Amino acid sequence: MVENAAENRTENSKRFRSVSILSAIVALVFLGAGSGKLIGAGQMVETFEHFGFDTDFMRFTGAASWSADADQNRRRLT
């Protein structure tokens, strides 16, 4: 019984570490995607204009990506 408890703790620790790493990667992806939109990177502007969206909408979606990133980090840290 004690061995099972120790194995469960080890497995939970590994799972928590894996989830934390994946969560940090997702946060970086959101941050990177939002940054390109917020600074008006050329490729982002071209893509949004190609689909008929205004640059204001591009900046809005960039801010939303940053907001999602901040929320992701807040949840991970609490």
C-alpha atoms as a PDB file:
ATOM      1  CA  MET A   1       0.000   0.000   0.000  1.00  0.00           C
ATOM      2  CA  VAL A   2       2.806   2.412   0.868  1.00  0.00           C
ATOM      3  CA  GLU A   3       4.634   1.525  -2.346  1.00  0.00           C
ATOM      4  CA  ASN A   4       1.519   2.325  -4.385  1.00  0.00           C
ATOM      5  CA  ALA A   5       1.207   5.697  -2.691  1.00  0.00           C
ATOM      6  CA  ALA A   6       4.833   6.509  -3.465  1.00  0.00           C
ATOM      7  CA  GLU A   7       4.384   5.410  -7.093  1.00  0.00           C
ATOM      8  CA  ASN A   8       1.254   7.560  -7.398  1.00  0.00           C
ATOM      9  CA  ARG A   9       3.102  10.607  -6.045  1.00  0.00           C
ATOM     10  CA  THR A  10       5.954  10.054  -8.495  1.00  0.00           C
ATOM     11  CA  GLU A  11       3.539   9.611 -11.398  1.00  0.00           C
ATOM     12  CA  ASN A  12       1.554  12.695 -10.364  1.00  0.00           C
ATOM     13  CA  SER A  13       4.775  14.692 -10.089  1.00  0.00           C
ATOM     14  CA  LYS A  14       5.793  13.649 -13.613  1.00  0.00           C
ATOM     15  CA  ARG A  15       2.340  14.474 -14.938  1.00  0.00           C
ATOM     16  CA  PHE A  16       2.373  17.879 -13.231  1.00  0.00           C
ATOM     17  CA  ARG A  17       5.807  18.636 -14.680  1.00  0.00           C
ATOM     18  CA  SER A  18       4.654  17.621 -18.179  1.00  0.00           C
ATOM     19  CA  VAL A  19       1.517  19.739 -17.937  1.00  0.00           C
ATOM     20  CA  SER A  20       3.558  22.696 -16.672  1.00  0.00           C
ATOM     21  CA  ILE A  21       5.982  22.436 -19.579  1.00  0.00           C
ATOM     22  CA  LEU A  22       3.175  22.150 -22.139  1.00  0.00           C
ATOM     23  CA  SER A  23       1.370  25.054 -20.518  1.00  0.00           C
ATOM     24  CA  ALA A  24       4.488  27.217 -20.765  1.00  0.00           C
ATOM     25  CA  ILE A  25       4.884  26.284 -24.441  1.00  0.00           C
ATOM     26  CA  VAL A  26       1.261  27.217 -25.158  1.00  0.00           C
ATOM     27  CA  ALA A  27       1.758  30.512 -23.339  1.00  0.00           C
ATOM     28  CA  LEU A  28       4.794  31.284 -25.504  1.00  0.00           C
ATOM     29  CA  VAL A  29       2.816  30.467 -28.655  1.00  0.00           C
ATOM     30  CA  PHE A  30       0.039  32.873 -27.632  1.00  0.00           C
ATOM     31  CA  LEU A  31       2.610  35.521 -26.772  1.00  0.00           C
ATOM     32  CA  GLY A  32       4.381  35.123 -30.103  1.00  0.00           C
ATOM     33  CA  ALA A  33       1.168  35.148 -32.128  1.00  0.00           C
ATOM     34  CA  GLY A  34      -0.115  38.202 -30.304  1.00  0.00           C
ATOM     35  CA  SER A  35       3.185  40.067 -30.613  1.00  0.00           C
ATOM     36  CA  GLY A  36       3.248  39.826 -34.393  1.00  0.00           C
ATOM     37  CA  LYS A  37      -0.257  41.199 -34.600  1.00  0.00           C
ATOM     38  CA  LEU A  38       0.291  43.982 -32.093  1.00  0.00           C
ATOM     39  CA  ILE A  39       3.464  45.314 -33.715  1.00  0.00           C
ATOM     40  CA  GLY A  40       1.963  45.029 -37.202  1.00  0.00           C
ATOM     41  CA  ALA A  41       4.424  42.544 -38.699  1.00  0.00           C
ATOM     42  CA  GLY A  42       4.347  42.625 -42.487  1.00  0.00           C
ATOM     43  CA  GLN A  43       3.219  39.030 -42.937  1.00  0.00           C
ATOM     44  CA  MET A  44       0.393  39.511 -40.440  1.00  0.00           C
ATOM     45  CA  VAL A  45      -0.791  42.682 -42.165  1.00  0.00           C
ATOM     46  CA  GLU A  46      -0.727  40.941 -45.554  1.00  0.00           C
ATOM     47  CA  THR A  47      -2.658  37.964 -44.206  1.00  0.00           C
ATOM     48  CA  PHE A  48      -5.356  40.068 -42.593  1.00  0.00           C
ATOM     49  CA  GLU A  49      -5.701  42.289 -45.662  1.00  0.00           C
ATOM     50  CA  HIS A  50      -5.882  39.208 -47.895  1.00  0.00           C
ATOM     51  CA  PHE A  51      -8.895  37.978 -45.951  1.00  0.00           C
ATOM     52  CA  GLY A  52     -10.461  41.455 -45.920  1.00  0.00           C
ATOM     53  CA  PHE A  53      -9.894  42.318 -42.278  1.00  0.00           C
ATOM     54  CA  ASP A  54      -8.835  45.746 -41.044  1.00  0.00           C
ATOM     55  CA  THR A  55      -5.584  46.303 -39.146  1.00  0.00           C
ATOM     56  CA  ASP A  56      -7.640  47.396 -36.126  1.00  0.00           C
ATOM     57  CA  PHE A  57      -9.139  43.901 -36.013  1.00  0.00           C
ATOM     58  CA  MET A  58      -5.624  42.487 -36.303  1.00  0.00           C
ATOM     59  CA  ARG A  59      -4.507  44.478 -33.274  1.00  0.00           C
ATOM     60  CA  PHE A  60      -7.653  43.444 -31.382  1.00  0.00           C
ATOM     61  CA  THR A  61      -6.899  39.758 -31.985  1.00  0.00           C
ATOM     62  CA  GLY A  62      -3.282  40.376 -30.941  1.00  0.00           C
ATOM     63  CA  ALA A  63      -4.452  41.912 -27.680  1.00  0.00           C
ATOM     64  CA  ALA A  64      -6.836  38.972 -27.184  1.00  0.00           C
ATOM     65  CA  SER A  65      -3.919  36.564 -27.647  1.00  0.00           C
ATOM     66  CA  TRP A  66      -1.901  38.445 -25.034  1.00  0.00           C
ATOM     67  CA  SER A  67      -4.903  38.432 -22.702  1.00  0.00           C
ATOM     68  CA  ALA A  68      -5.278  34.671 -23.121  1.00  0.00           C
ATOM     69  CA  ASP A  69      -1.570  34.297 -22.403  1.00  0.00           C
ATOM     70  CA  ALA A  70      -1.840  36.354 -19.234  1.00  0.00           C
ATOM     71  CA  ASP A  71      -4.832  34.296 -18.116  1.00  0.00           C
ATOM     72  CA  GLN A  72      -2.981  31.065 -18.878  1.00  0.00           C
ATOM     73  CA  ASN A  73      -0.020  32.178 -16.750  1.00  0.00           C
ATOM     74  CA  ARG A  74      -2.258  33.418 -13.926  1.00  0.00           C
ATOM     75  CA  ARG A  75      -4.038  30.064 -13.728  1.00  0.00           C
ATOM     76  CA  ARG A  76      -0.795  28.143 -13.854  1.00  0.00           C
ATOM     77  CA  LEU A  77       0.737  30.169 -11.033  1.00  0.00           C
ATOM     78  CA  THR A  78      -2.235  30.015  -8.675  1.00  0.00           C
END
